[in-house]
C-alpha atoms as a PDB file:
ATOM      1  CA  MET A   1      64.272  28.640   5.348  1.00  0.00           C
ATOM      2  CA  ARG A   2      61.619  26.008   3.351  1.00  0.00           C
ATOM      3  CA  LEU A   3      60.009  27.149   0.266  1.00  0.00           C
ATOM      4  CA  PRO A   4      56.331  26.175  -0.267  1.00  0.00           C
ATOM      5  CA  LYS A   5      55.297  23.434  -1.880  1.00  0.00           C
ATOM      6  CA  VAL A   6      53.644  24.514  -5.041  1.00  0.00           C
ATOM      7  CA  ARG A   7      50.456  22.226  -5.537  1.00  0.00           C
ATOM      8  CA  GLY A   8      48.758  21.485  -9.079  1.00  0.00           C
ATOM      9  CA  LEU A   9      51.693  21.855 -10.783  1.00  0.00           C
ATOM     10  CA  ARG A  10      53.065  18.107 -12.244  1.00  0.00           C
ATOM     11  CA  GLY A  11      55.367  17.522 -15.385  1.00  0.00           C
ATOM     12  CA  PRO A  12      53.609  15.306 -18.374  1.00  0.00           C
ATOM     13  CA  ARG A  13      53.648  11.443 -16.887  1.00  0.00           C
ATOM     14  CA  LEU A  14      54.633   9.158 -19.388  1.00  0.00           C
ATOM     15  CA  PRO A  15      52.581   5.380 -19.832  1.00  0.00           C
ATOM     16  CA  ARG A  16      52.803   3.300 -16.929  1.00  0.00           C
ATOM     17  CA  THR A  17      52.369   0.319 -19.268  1.00  0.00           C
ATOM     18  CA  ARG A  18      54.853  -1.510 -21.934  1.00  0.00           C
ATOM     19  CA  ALA A  19      51.714  -0.970 -24.340  1.00  0.00           C
ATOM     20  CA  GLY A  20      51.241   2.574 -23.067  1.00  0.00           C
ATOM     21  CA  ARG A  21      54.768   3.464 -23.846  1.00  0.00           C
ATOM     22  CA  ARG A  22      54.505   1.589 -27.502  1.00  0.00           C
ATOM     23  CA  ARG A  23      51.450   3.603 -28.447  1.00  0.00           C
ATOM     24  CA  LEU A  24      53.658   6.703 -27.133  1.00  0.00           C
ATOM     25  CA  VAL A  25      56.933   6.244 -29.236  1.00  0.00           C
ATOM     26  CA  GLN A  26      54.444   5.284 -32.361  1.00  0.00           C
ATOM     27  CA  ALA A  27      52.990   8.467 -32.120  1.00  0.00           C
ATOM     28  CA  VAL A  28      55.982  10.415 -32.110  1.00  0.00           C
ATOM     29  CA  MET A  29      57.483   8.557 -35.007  1.00  0.00           C
ATOM     30  CA  ALA A  30      54.474   9.361 -37.210  1.00  0.00           C
ATOM     31  CA  GLY A  31      54.582  13.097 -35.643  1.00  0.00           C
ATOM     32  CA  CYS A  32      58.000  12.638 -37.404  1.00  0.00           C
ATOM     33  CA  VAL A  33      57.404  11.044 -40.987  1.00  0.00           C
ATOM     34  CA  LEU A  34      54.539  13.662 -41.292  1.00  0.00           C
ATOM     35  CA  ALA A  35      56.521  16.476 -40.062  1.00  0.00           C
ATOM     36  CA  LEU A  36      59.586  15.050 -42.818  1.00  0.00           C
ATOM     37  CA  LEU A  37      56.682  14.393 -45.768  1.00  0.00           C
ATOM     38  CA  PRO A  38      56.886  18.152 -47.612  1.00  0.00           C
ATOM     39  CA  SER A  39      60.464  17.919 -47.439  1.00  0.00           C
ATOM     40  CA  THR A  40      60.882  14.933 -49.166  1.00  0.00           C
ATOM     41  CA  TRP A  41      58.046  15.977 -51.684  1.00  0.00           C
ATOM     42  CA  MET A  42      60.175  18.688 -52.703  1.00  0.00           C
ATOM     43  CA  TYR A  43      63.917  16.576 -52.913  1.00  0.00           C
ATOM     44  CA  VAL A  44      61.386  14.151 -55.063  1.00  0.00           C
ATOM     45  CA  VAL A  45      59.987  17.058 -57.530  1.00  0.00           C
ATOM     46  CA  THR A  46      63.038  18.880 -57.469  1.00  0.00           C
ATOM     47  CA  GLY A  47      66.013  16.045 -57.908  1.00  0.00           C
ATOM     48  CA  ASP A  48      67.110  16.562 -61.439  1.00  0.00           C
ATOM     49  CA  ARG A  49      65.960  20.241 -61.937  1.00  0.00           C
ATOM     50  CA  LEU A  50      69.728  21.525 -59.338  1.00  0.00           C
ATOM     51  CA  ARG A  51      72.232  22.863 -61.883  1.00  0.00           C
ATOM     52  CA  THR A  52      75.369  25.218 -61.333  1.00  0.00           C
ATOM     53  CA  THR A  53      76.156  27.979 -63.478  1.00  0.00           C
ATOM     54  CA  ALA A  54      78.246  25.883 -65.452  1.00  0.00           C
ATOM     55  CA  ASP A  55      76.023  24.016 -66.478  1.00  0.00           C
ATOM     56  CA  VAL A  56      72.494  25.089 -66.361  1.00  0.00           C
ATOM     57  CA  PRO A  57      70.922  25.000 -69.825  1.00  0.00           C
ATOM     58  CA  ARG A  58      70.669  28.353 -71.943  1.00  0.00           C
ATOM     59  CA  THR A  59      67.483  30.265 -70.694  1.00  0.00           C
ATOM     60  CA  GLU A  60      66.294  33.475 -71.799  1.00  0.00           C
ATOM     61  CA  VAL A  61      64.966  34.650 -67.916  1.00  0.00           C
ATOM     62  CA  ALA A  62      66.971  34.443 -64.823  1.00  0.00           C
ATOM     63  CA  VAL A  63      64.840  35.150 -61.534  1.00  0.00           C
ATOM     64  CA  VAL A  64      66.433  36.295 -58.468  1.00  0.00           C
ATOM     65  CA  PHE A  65      64.600  36.443 -55.679  1.00  0.00           C
ATOM     66  CA  GLY A  66      64.850  38.735 -52.476  1.00  0.00           C
ATOM     67  CA  ALA A  67      66.673  38.196 -49.647  1.00  0.00           C
ATOM     68  CA  GLY A  68      66.951  41.241 -47.693  1.00  0.00           C
ATOM     69  CA  LEU A  69      68.626  44.220 -47.378  1.00  0.00           C
ATOM     70  CA  TRP A  70      71.427  46.331 -45.599  1.00  0.00           C
ATOM     71  CA  ASP A  71      71.368  50.145 -45.123  1.00  0.00           C
ATOM     72  CA  GLY A  72      69.134  49.780 -48.913  1.00  0.00           C
ATOM     73  CA  GLU A  73      71.892  47.540 -49.696  1.00  0.00           C
ATOM     74  CA  PRO A  74      71.614  43.889 -51.035  1.00  0.00           C
ATOM     75  CA  SER A  75      72.502  41.922 -48.118  1.00  0.00           C
ATOM     76  CA  PRO A  76      75.513  39.411 -48.822  1.00  0.00           C
ATOM     77  CA  TYR A  77      72.818  36.440 -49.064  1.00  0.00           C
ATOM     78  CA  LEU A  78      71.476  38.495 -51.986  1.00  0.00           C
ATOM     79  CA  ALA A  79      74.443  39.952 -53.187  1.00  0.00           C
ATOM     80  CA  HIS A  80      76.162  36.776 -54.168  1.00  0.00           C
ATOM     81  CA  ARG A  81      72.519  35.510 -55.818  1.00  0.00           C
ATOM     82  CA  LEU A  82      73.027  37.979 -57.951  1.00  0.00           C
ATOM     83  CA  ASP A  83      76.532  37.976 -58.323  1.00  0.00           C
ATOM     84  CA  ALA A  84      75.427  34.254 -60.430  1.00  0.00           C
ATOM     85  CA  ALA A  85      72.637  36.330 -62.268  1.00  0.00           C
ATOM     86  CA  ALA A  86      75.261  39.042 -63.608  1.00  0.00           C
ATOM     87  CA  LYS A  87      78.070  36.185 -64.385  1.00  0.00           C
ATOM     88  CA  LEU A  88      74.897  34.067 -65.938  1.00  0.00           C
ATOM     89  CA  TYR A  89      74.516  36.827 -68.611  1.00  0.00           C
ATOM     90  CA  ARG A  90      78.292  38.248 -69.261  1.00  0.00           C
ATOM     91  CA  GLU A  91      78.606  34.818 -70.261  1.00  0.00           C
ATOM     92  CA  ASN A  92      75.243  35.101 -72.400  1.00  0.00           C
ATOM     93  CA  ARG A  93      73.532  31.941 -70.671  1.00  0.00           C
ATOM     94  CA  ILE A  94      70.609  34.096 -70.335  1.00  0.00           C
ATOM     95  CA  GLU A  95      69.144  37.406 -71.607  1.00  0.00           C
ATOM     96  CA  VAL A  96      67.028  39.091 -68.599  1.00  0.00           C
ATOM     97  CA  VAL A  97      66.969  38.874 -65.267  1.00  0.00           C
ATOM     98  CA  LEU A  98      63.276  39.633 -63.067  1.00  0.00           C
ATOM     99  CA  VAL A  99      64.192  40.666 -59.999  1.00  0.00           C
ATOM    100  CA  THR A 100      61.741  39.997 -57.111  1.00  0.00           C
ATOM    101  CA  GLY A 101      61.165  41.023 -53.532  1.00  0.00           C
ATOM    102  CA  ASP A 102      59.775  43.296 -51.145  1.00  0.00           C
ATOM    103  CA  ASN A 103      58.599  47.007 -51.729  1.00  0.00           C
ATOM    104  CA  SER A 104      55.050  46.670 -49.217  1.00  0.00           C
ATOM    105  CA  ARG A 105      56.977  49.826 -47.757  1.00  0.00           C
ATOM    106  CA  GLU A 106      58.063  53.405 -49.132  1.00  0.00           C
ATOM    107  CA  ASP A 107      61.497  53.085 -47.117  1.00  0.00           C
ATOM    108  CA  TYR A 108      62.345  49.472 -47.968  1.00  0.00           C
ATOM    109  CA  ASP A 109      62.508  48.042 -51.993  1.00  0.00           C
ATOM    110  CA  GLU A 110      64.243  44.964 -52.607  1.00  0.00           C
ATOM    111  CA  PRO A 111      63.664  45.055 -56.655  1.00  0.00           C
ATOM    112  CA  ASP A 112      64.915  48.638 -57.111  1.00  0.00           C
ATOM    113  CA  ALA A 113      68.136  47.628 -54.623  1.00  0.00           C
ATOM    114  CA  MET A 114      68.743  44.704 -57.011  1.00  0.00           C
ATOM    115  CA  ARG A 115      68.492  46.461 -59.976  1.00  0.00           C
ATOM    116  CA  ALA A 116      70.826  48.952 -59.057  1.00  0.00           C
ATOM    117  CA  TYR A 117      74.163  46.250 -57.769  1.00  0.00           C
ATOM    118  CA  LEU A 118      72.891  44.359 -61.365  1.00  0.00           C
ATOM    119  CA  THR A 119      73.613  47.384 -63.490  1.00  0.00           C
ATOM    120  CA  ARG A 120      76.554  48.099 -61.475  1.00  0.00           C
ATOM    121  CA  HIS A 121      78.162  44.489 -61.950  1.00  0.00           C
ATOM    122  CA  GLY A 122      77.488  44.744 -65.789  1.00  0.00           C
ATOM    123  CA  VAL A 123      73.835  43.907 -66.598  1.00  0.00           C
ATOM    124  CA  PRO A 124      71.799  46.544 -68.614  1.00  0.00           C
ATOM    125  CA  ASP A 125      69.153  48.475 -66.926  1.00  0.00           C
ATOM    126  CA  THR A 126      67.398  47.495 -69.888  1.00  0.00           C
ATOM    127  CA  ARG A 127      67.473  43.815 -69.637  1.00  0.00           C
ATOM    128  CA  ILE A 128      66.634  43.889 -66.197  1.00  0.00           C
ATOM    129  CA  VAL A 129      62.702  43.326 -65.193  1.00  0.00           C
ATOM    130  CA  SER A 130      61.119  44.547 -61.382  1.00  0.00           C
ATOM    131  CA  ASP A 131      58.306  42.596 -59.602  1.00  0.00           C
ATOM    132  CA  TYR A 132      57.421  44.537 -56.690  1.00  0.00           C
ATOM    133  CA  ALA A 133      54.981  42.344 -55.296  1.00  0.00           C
ATOM    134  CA  GLY A 134      57.309  39.514 -54.184  1.00  0.00           C
ATOM    135  CA  PHE A 135      56.107  39.068 -50.950  1.00  0.00           C
ATOM    136  CA  ASP A 136      56.971  35.165 -50.408  1.00  0.00           C
ATOM    137  CA  THR A 137      58.135  32.326 -52.504  1.00  0.00           C
ATOM    138  CA  TRP A 138      54.504  31.647 -54.128  1.00  0.00           C
ATOM    139  CA  ASP A 139      53.554  34.933 -55.068  1.00  0.00           C
ATOM    140  CA  SER A 140      56.991  35.393 -56.787  1.00  0.00           C
ATOM    141  CA  CYS A 141      56.042  31.952 -59.195  1.00  0.00           C
ATOM    142  CA  VAL A 142      52.489  32.700 -59.550  1.00  0.00           C
ATOM    143  CA  ARG A 143      53.197  36.191 -60.703  1.00  0.00           C
ATOM    144  CA  ALA A 144      56.398  35.249 -62.910  1.00  0.00           C
ATOM    145  CA  ARG A 145      53.924  32.946 -64.551  1.00  0.00           C
ATOM    146  CA  LYS A 146      50.258  34.623 -64.444  1.00  0.00           C
ATOM    147  CA  ILE A 147      51.827  38.380 -64.697  1.00  0.00           C
ATOM    148  CA  PHE A 148      54.653  38.488 -66.605  1.00  0.00           C
ATOM    149  CA  GLY A 149      54.017  35.450 -68.404  1.00  0.00           C
ATOM    150  CA  LEU A 150      56.973  33.314 -67.814  1.00  0.00           C
ATOM    151  CA  HIS A 151      56.904  29.835 -69.423  1.00  0.00           C
ATOM    152  CA  LYS A 152      60.689  28.955 -68.504  1.00  0.00           C
ATOM    153  CA  ALA A 153      62.966  29.994 -66.424  1.00  0.00           C
ATOM    154  CA  VAL A 154      66.509  29.674 -64.051  1.00  0.00           C
ATOM    155  CA  LEU A 155      65.742  30.523 -60.438  1.00  0.00           C
ATOM    156  CA  ILE A 156      68.833  31.593 -58.260  1.00  0.00           C
ATOM    157  CA  SER A 157      68.956  31.697 -54.594  1.00  0.00           C
ATOM    158  CA  GLN A 158      70.788  29.629 -51.706  1.00  0.00           C
ATOM    159  CA  GLY A 159      70.954  26.070 -51.708  1.00  0.00           C
ATOM    160  CA  PHE A 160      68.803  25.375 -48.171  1.00  0.00           C
ATOM    161  CA  HIS A 161      66.052  27.559 -50.547  1.00  0.00           C
ATOM    162  CA  ILE A 162      65.894  26.707 -54.114  1.00  0.00           C
ATOM    163  CA  ARG A 163      64.896  23.328 -53.925  1.00  0.00           C
ATOM    164  CA  ARG A 164      61.291  25.042 -52.753  1.00  0.00           C
ATOM    165  CA  ALA A 165      61.842  27.500 -55.122  1.00  0.00           C
ATOM    166  CA  VAL A 166      61.798  25.122 -57.899  1.00  0.00           C
ATOM    167  CA  ALA A 167      58.737  23.159 -56.702  1.00  0.00           C
ATOM    168  CA  LEU A 168      56.962  26.122 -56.335  1.00  0.00           C
ATOM    169  CA  CYS A 169      57.438  27.631 -59.674  1.00  0.00           C
ATOM    170  CA  GLN A 170      57.128  24.181 -61.315  1.00  0.00           C
ATOM    171  CA  ALA A 171      53.455  24.009 -59.596  1.00  0.00           C
ATOM    172  CA  ALA A 172      52.525  27.427 -60.622  1.00  0.00           C
ATOM    173  CA  GLY A 173      53.541  26.452 -64.507  1.00  0.00           C
ATOM    174  CA  VAL A 174      57.065  27.764 -65.015  1.00  0.00           C
ATOM    175  CA  THR A 175      59.786  25.079 -65.733  1.00  0.00           C
ATOM    176  CA  SER A 176      62.563  25.615 -64.089  1.00  0.00           C
ATOM    177  CA  TYR A 177      66.079  24.771 -63.289  1.00  0.00           C
ATOM    178  CA  GLY A 178      67.202  26.360 -60.076  1.00  0.00           C
ATOM    179  CA  ILE A 179      70.833  27.519 -58.885  1.00  0.00           C
ATOM    180  CA  GLY A 180      72.165  26.991 -55.440  1.00  0.00           C
ATOM    181  CA  VAL A 181      74.390  29.856 -54.579  1.00  0.00           C
ATOM    182  CA  ASP A 182      77.415  29.239 -51.943  1.00  0.00           C
ATOM    183  CA  ALA A 183      76.821  30.689 -49.073  1.00  0.00           C
ATOM    184  CA  ARG A 184      78.995  30.940 -45.608  1.00  0.00           C
ATOM    185  CA  HIS A 185      77.182  28.696 -42.780  1.00  0.00           C
ATOM    186  CA  ASP A 186      76.939  31.510 -40.332  1.00  0.00           C
ATOM    187  CA  ALA A 187      73.625  32.012 -38.057  1.00  0.00           C
ATOM    188  CA  THR A 188      71.920  33.429 -40.980  1.00  0.00           C
ATOM    189  CA  TRP A 189      72.499  29.894 -43.087  1.00  0.00           C
ATOM    190  CA  TYR A 190      71.560  27.537 -40.222  1.00  0.00           C
ATOM    191  CA  TYR A 191      68.240  29.795 -39.481  1.00  0.00           C
ATOM    192  CA  GLY A 192      67.333  29.753 -43.273  1.00  0.00           C
ATOM    193  CA  GLY A 193      68.086  25.793 -43.217  1.00  0.00           C
ATOM    194  CA  THR A 194      65.728  25.554 -40.203  1.00  0.00           C
ATOM    195  CA  ARG A 195      63.272  27.372 -41.599  1.00  0.00           C
ATOM    196  CA  GLU A 196      63.162  25.664 -44.704  1.00  0.00           C
ATOM    197  CA  ILE A 197      61.164  22.767 -42.978  1.00  0.00           C
ATOM    198  CA  PHE A 198      58.786  24.198 -41.824  1.00  0.00           C
ATOM    199  CA  ALA A 199      58.331  26.289 -45.068  1.00  0.00           C
ATOM    200  CA  ALA A 200      58.229  22.877 -47.208  1.00  0.00           C
ATOM    201  CA  ALA A 201      54.631  22.704 -45.193  1.00  0.00           C
ATOM    202  CA  LYS A 202      53.675  26.063 -46.327  1.00  0.00           C
ATOM    203  CA  ALA A 203      54.508  25.204 -49.900  1.00  0.00           C
ATOM    204  CA  ALA A 204      53.248  21.411 -50.090  1.00  0.00           C
ATOM    205  CA  LEU A 205      49.506  23.962 -48.634  1.00  0.00           C
ATOM    206  CA  ASP A 206      50.170  26.497 -51.649  1.00  0.00           C
ATOM    207  CA  VAL A 207      50.153  23.838 -54.152  1.00  0.00           C
ATOM    208  CA  ALA A 208      47.179  21.942 -52.842  1.00  0.00           C
ATOM    209  CA  VAL A 209      45.438  25.103 -52.273  1.00  0.00           C
ATOM    210  CA  ARG A 210      47.030  27.481 -55.254  1.00  0.00           C
ATOM    211  CA  PRO A 211      46.047  30.696 -53.288  1.00  0.00           C
ATOM    212  CA  ASP A 212      46.138  33.969 -55.062  1.00  0.00           C
ATOM    213  CA  PRO A 213      48.986  35.755 -54.349  1.00  0.00           C
ATOM    214  CA  ARG A 214      48.808  39.360 -52.047  1.00  0.00           C
ATOM    215  CA  PHE A 215      48.219  41.190 -54.866  1.00  0.00           C
ATOM    216  CA  LEU A 216      48.302  40.300 -58.772  1.00  0.00           C
ATOM    217  CA  GLY A 217      47.596  43.237 -60.797  1.00  0.00           C
ATOM    218  CA  PRO A 218      47.384  43.411 -64.422  1.00  0.00           C
ATOM    219  CA  LYS A 219      50.043  41.785 -67.108  1.00  0.00           C
ATOM    220  CA  GLU A 220      52.732  42.939 -67.557  1.00  0.00           C
ATOM    221  CA  THR A 221      55.199  43.842 -71.147  1.00  0.00           C
ATOM    222  CA  GLY A 222      58.126  44.585 -69.326  1.00  0.00           C
ATOM    223  CA  VAL A 223      59.925  40.384 -69.868  1.00  0.00           C
ATOM    224  CA  ARG A 224      58.886  40.540 -73.405  1.00  0.00           C
ATOM    225  CA  ASP A 225      59.923  43.692 -73.946  1.00  0.00           C
ATOM    226  CA  ALA A 226      63.728  43.328 -72.426  1.00  0.00           C
ATOM    227  CA  LEU A 227      63.986  40.222 -74.477  1.00  0.00           C
ATOM    228  CA  ALA A 228      63.550  42.624 -77.941  1.00  0.00           C
ATOM    229  CA  SER A 229      65.548  45.141 -76.882  1.00  0.00           C
ATOM    230  CA  ASP A 230      69.041  45.214 -77.896  1.00  0.00           C
ATOM    231  CA  ARG A 231      71.713  43.721 -76.170  1.00  0.00           C
END
């Protein structure tokens, strides 16, 4: 049985001339360069700002970014971030932890889950401050500066995200050092790394346009009060 021919459907046609093919190659190369410019920018501005838990300068406040919950508990990726913050606190390298994450739904509360995890790992509740409107990295950085009054902080995330976090917080006015914690190279890690290529473009746009966070709200004294409390 012969299948009927489908008319009118053709694949993309390559240029026939050498000059046309050269222009096509040049256009593809230009597109690749433009796509990689935001990532290159992030590497340049964060080149000397990355540290480890062993050599990060002593700083009053650490910021831990949310990374999802599993059945109400921090995901393994988020737990690694919180473990690093708890380690810095136990070693007197930081004094306060600002946990920033998503609480846009009543049944989803990253900051409270992060707070509970930290208290179980030796960080006093009075030394933890919650930002419930850290819906993305830019929002978290801007709110850290404008709402919580941070001028300097240690940022904690996975390696594939930490450069973007440092670049955005620096742009928001928070002098930052970043700690990229270790993570198993599973599907989530590869997805995160790939996603950062596209997220870098949004980060560059955020720095250029400087939009207000989705929710700004009044200034809070949580960090200042935590620093003043007994250790």
